[in-house]
Amino acid sequence: MTVDVEERLVEPDETEAAEAAAVEAEPAVVQSDSRKPWARWTGLTLAFAAMLLAVAAGYFNWQDGSVRLAQAAATESVRAASDGTVAMLSYRPETVDTELKSAAGRLTGSFRGEYTKLVDTVVAPGAKQKHISAVATVPDAASVSATENHAVVLVFVNQTTTIGADAPTASTSTVRVTLDKVHDRWLISQFDPV
């Protein structure tokens, strides 16, 4: 009988030890489970923040590049509109054909055809017949809008016209010049007096 008593005594000790081990192990599992979601959310939040910063940096870099392209387009198109306006509106009777045909090289689209037709049928014959000369200057011009390939410029024009031996007459006008970039050159596609 002593053996049975010892066996019974041994069994409760082993059971108590196993229960004690299980009780000690349970809080560790619960504690580690409660830390996992917090760590996971922190990691996800940091990853999302890093991704958001990368997207924002890319956007602002793209935006900066777009602004620089638009500024360059505005500067270039204002210069092209000013130079083109002077070329289109300045001529002498002796050289009207070559001067205005050269100016047509600064134009594009249907406007180029309209301008060439006007020069050939009205301006050049009139300049030769009546000895008309004109000198245009652009005291100021401003970009209305500009993208990489299209621009609108407001051009202020002073023009002095002399007919034969008469005294020169001065006139001022404002023109809305539309330009398109064709083969890396700004060309006038519309020329509308305001």
Protein backbone atom coordinates (compact mmCIF):
# COMPACT_ATOMS: atom_id res chain seq x y z
CA MET A 1 0.00 0.00 0.00
CA THR A 2 2.78 2.27 0.42
CA VAL A 3 3.44 2.08 -3.22
CA ASP A 4 -0.06 3.28 -4.01
CA VAL A 5 0.29 6.20 -1.68
CA GLU A 6 3.55 7.21 -3.24
CA GLU A 7 2.07 6.94 -6.69
CA ARG A 8 -0.81 9.11 -5.66
CA LEU A 9 1.54 11.61 -4.14
CA VAL A 10 3.70 11.68 -7.24
CA GLU A 11 0.78 12.19 -9.52
CA PRO A 12 -0.58 15.29 -7.79
CA ASP A 13 2.90 16.84 -7.77
CA GLU A 14 3.33 16.30 -11.50
CA THR A 15 -0.17 17.62 -12.19
CA GLU A 16 0.43 20.67 -10.04
CA ALA A 17 3.73 21.30 -11.81
CA ALA A 18 2.07 20.96 -15.21
CA GLU A 19 -0.75 23.30 -14.16
CA ALA A 20 1.70 25.81 -12.76
CA ALA A 21 3.68 25.68 -16.00
CA ALA A 22 0.48 26.16 -18.01
CA VAL A 23 -0.57 29.13 -15.85
CA GLU A 24 2.85 30.72 -16.26
CA ALA A 25 2.79 30.11 -20.01
CA GLU A 26 -0.70 31.58 -20.54
CA PRO A 27 0.11 35.17 -19.55
CA ALA A 28 3.15 35.12 -21.84
CA VAL A 29 0.96 34.06 -24.76
CA VAL A 30 -1.68 36.68 -23.95
CA GLN A 31 0.98 39.32 -23.46
CA SER A 32 2.69 38.49 -26.76
CA ASP A 33 -0.70 38.50 -28.59
CA SER A 34 -1.53 41.94 -27.19
CA ARG A 35 1.82 43.32 -28.41
CA LYS A 36 1.59 41.85 -31.91
CA PRO A 37 -1.35 43.98 -33.19
CA TRP A 38 0.25 47.17 -31.83
CA ALA A 39 3.55 46.34 -33.48
CA ARG A 40 1.78 45.39 -36.70
CA TRP A 41 -0.20 48.67 -36.78
CA THR A 42 2.93 50.67 -36.06
CA GLY A 43 4.74 48.94 -38.90
CA LEU A 44 1.84 49.45 -41.29
CA THR A 45 1.49 53.09 -40.28
CA LEU A 46 5.19 53.74 -40.83
CA ALA A 47 5.12 51.95 -44.19
CA PHE A 48 2.06 53.96 -45.25
CA ALA A 49 3.68 57.22 -44.13
CA ALA A 50 6.86 56.38 -46.06
CA MET A 51 4.83 55.56 -49.16
CA LEU A 52 2.82 58.78 -48.79
CA LEU A 53 6.02 60.82 -48.48
CA ALA A 54 7.49 59.16 -51.57
CA VAL A 55 4.33 59.89 -53.58
CA ALA A 56 4.27 63.50 -52.36
CA ALA A 57 7.95 63.97 -53.22
CA GLY A 58 7.35 62.55 -56.70
CA TYR A 59 4.34 64.79 -57.24
CA PHE A 60 6.14 67.94 -56.13
CA ASN A 61 9.14 67.04 -58.29
CA TRP A 62 6.82 66.56 -61.28
CA GLN A 63 4.97 69.79 -60.43
CA ASP A 64 8.25 71.70 -60.21
CA GLY A 65 9.30 70.35 -63.60
CA SER A 66 5.94 71.31 -65.11
CA VAL A 67 6.19 74.83 -63.72
CA ARG A 68 9.71 75.21 -65.11
CA LEU A 69 8.58 73.98 -68.53
CA ALA A 70 5.64 76.40 -68.50
CA GLN A 71 7.91 79.29 -67.49
CA ALA A 72 10.38 78.44 -70.24
CA ALA A 73 7.52 78.13 -72.74
CA ALA A 74 6.16 81.53 -71.66
CA THR A 75 9.54 83.22 -72.09
CA GLU A 76 10.25 81.59 -75.46
CA SER A 77 6.74 82.19 -76.83
CA VAL A 78 6.75 85.88 -75.84
CA ARG A 79 10.03 86.33 -77.70
CA ALA A 80 8.72 84.43 -80.76
CA ALA A 81 5.43 86.38 -80.77
CA SER A 82 7.26 89.71 -80.52
CA ASP A 83 9.79 88.88 -83.24
CA GLY A 84 7.11 87.37 -85.49
CA THR A 85 4.85 90.40 -85.10
CA VAL A 86 7.65 92.78 -86.07
CA ALA A 87 8.53 90.61 -89.08
CA MET A 88 4.89 90.40 -90.24
CA LEU A 89 4.20 94.13 -89.96
CA SER A 90 7.49 95.66 -91.17
CA TYR A 91 8.36 96.06 -94.85
CA ARG A 92 9.68 98.44 -97.51
CA PRO A 93 8.34 98.69 -101.06
CA GLU A 94 11.63 97.56 -102.61
CA THR A 95 11.88 94.38 -100.53
CA VAL A 96 8.27 93.69 -99.52
CA ASP A 97 8.13 90.31 -101.27
CA THR A 98 11.23 88.86 -99.60
CA GLU A 99 10.56 90.43 -96.18
CA LEU A 100 6.98 89.23 -95.86
CA LYS A 101 7.66 85.81 -97.39
CA SER A 102 10.43 85.45 -94.81
CA ALA A 103 7.92 86.41 -92.12
CA ALA A 104 5.63 83.61 -93.37
CA GLY A 105 8.32 81.18 -92.20
CA ARG A 106 7.36 82.16 -88.64
CA LEU A 107 3.73 81.07 -89.18
CA THR A 108 1.95 77.73 -89.21
CA GLY A 109 -1.35 76.10 -90.07
CA SER A 110 -4.17 77.80 -91.92
CA PHE A 111 -2.99 81.21 -90.70
CA ARG A 112 0.17 80.86 -92.77
CA GLY A 113 -1.93 80.33 -95.92
CA GLU A 114 -4.22 83.27 -95.10
CA TYR A 115 -1.26 85.57 -94.43
CA THR A 116 0.56 84.55 -97.62
CA LYS A 117 -2.59 85.12 -99.68
CA LEU A 118 -3.10 88.59 -98.12
CA VAL A 119 0.55 89.53 -98.76
CA ASP A 120 0.46 88.32 -102.38
CA THR A 121 -2.89 89.91 -103.30
CA VAL A 122 -3.07 93.11 -101.22
CA VAL A 123 -0.02 94.13 -99.19
CA ALA A 124 2.86 93.58 -101.65
CA PRO A 125 1.09 95.06 -104.70
CA GLY A 126 -0.10 98.07 -102.65
CA ALA A 127 3.35 98.63 -101.12
CA LYS A 128 4.98 98.62 -104.55
CA GLN A 129 2.32 100.73 -106.24
CA LYS A 130 1.95 103.41 -103.53
CA HIS A 131 5.50 103.17 -102.10
CA ILE A 132 4.28 102.13 -98.65
CA SER A 133 6.75 101.26 -95.97
CA ALA A 134 5.98 100.18 -92.42
CA VAL A 135 8.11 99.75 -89.33
CA ALA A 136 6.67 97.90 -86.36
CA THR A 137 8.06 97.70 -82.85
CA VAL A 138 6.87 95.80 -79.81
CA PRO A 139 7.29 97.88 -76.66
CA ASP A 140 5.80 95.15 -74.50
CA ALA A 141 4.33 91.66 -74.61
CA ALA A 142 2.94 89.36 -71.95
CA SER A 143 2.19 85.68 -71.75
CA VAL A 144 -1.51 84.94 -71.27
CA SER A 145 -1.03 81.18 -71.07
CA ALA A 146 1.72 78.74 -71.95
CA THR A 147 2.18 75.00 -71.97
CA GLU A 148 4.99 72.96 -73.41
CA ASN A 149 3.53 73.10 -76.96
CA HIS A 150 0.91 75.88 -77.03
CA ALA A 151 0.94 79.52 -75.94
CA VAL A 152 -1.10 82.70 -76.11
CA VAL A 153 0.67 86.06 -75.93
CA LEU A 154 -0.70 89.60 -75.76
CA VAL A 155 1.50 91.85 -77.92
CA PHE A 156 1.47 95.66 -77.82
CA VAL A 157 2.47 97.07 -81.21
CA ASN A 158 3.64 100.49 -82.33
CA GLN A 159 3.69 100.87 -86.11
CA THR A 160 4.87 103.78 -88.22
CA THR A 161 3.60 103.78 -91.80
CA THR A 162 4.83 106.02 -94.61
CA ILE A 163 2.95 106.32 -97.90
CA GLY A 164 5.04 107.81 -100.69
CA ALA A 165 6.35 111.28 -99.73
CA ASP A 166 3.70 111.86 -97.04
CA ALA A 167 4.61 112.30 -93.41
CA PRO A 168 4.79 109.07 -91.40
CA THR A 169 1.73 108.14 -89.35
CA ALA A 170 1.97 106.31 -86.07
CA SER A 171 -0.54 103.81 -84.77
CA THR A 172 -0.74 101.53 -81.78
CA SER A 173 -2.56 98.25 -81.45
CA THR A 174 -2.82 95.21 -79.28
CA VAL A 175 -2.78 91.73 -80.77
CA ARG A 176 -3.58 88.35 -79.27
CA VAL A 177 -1.01 85.99 -80.78
CA THR A 178 -1.51 82.23 -80.53
CA LEU A 179 1.55 80.04 -81.05
CA ASP A 180 2.18 76.33 -81.45
CA LYS A 181 5.52 74.63 -81.02
CA VAL A 182 6.41 72.82 -84.24
CA HIS A 183 9.76 70.99 -84.51
CA ASP A 184 11.15 72.92 -81.50
CA ARG A 185 10.14 76.31 -82.96
CA TRP A 186 7.34 78.56 -81.74
CA LEU A 187 5.22 79.44 -84.78
CA ILE A 188 2.26 81.82 -84.94
CA SER A 189 -1.02 80.02 -85.63
CA GLN A 190 -3.44 82.93 -84.99
CA PHE A 191 -3.07 86.71 -85.02
CA ASP A 192 -6.14 88.50 -83.67
CA PRO A 193 -6.32 92.26 -83.05
CA VAL A 194 -7.93 93.02 -79.71
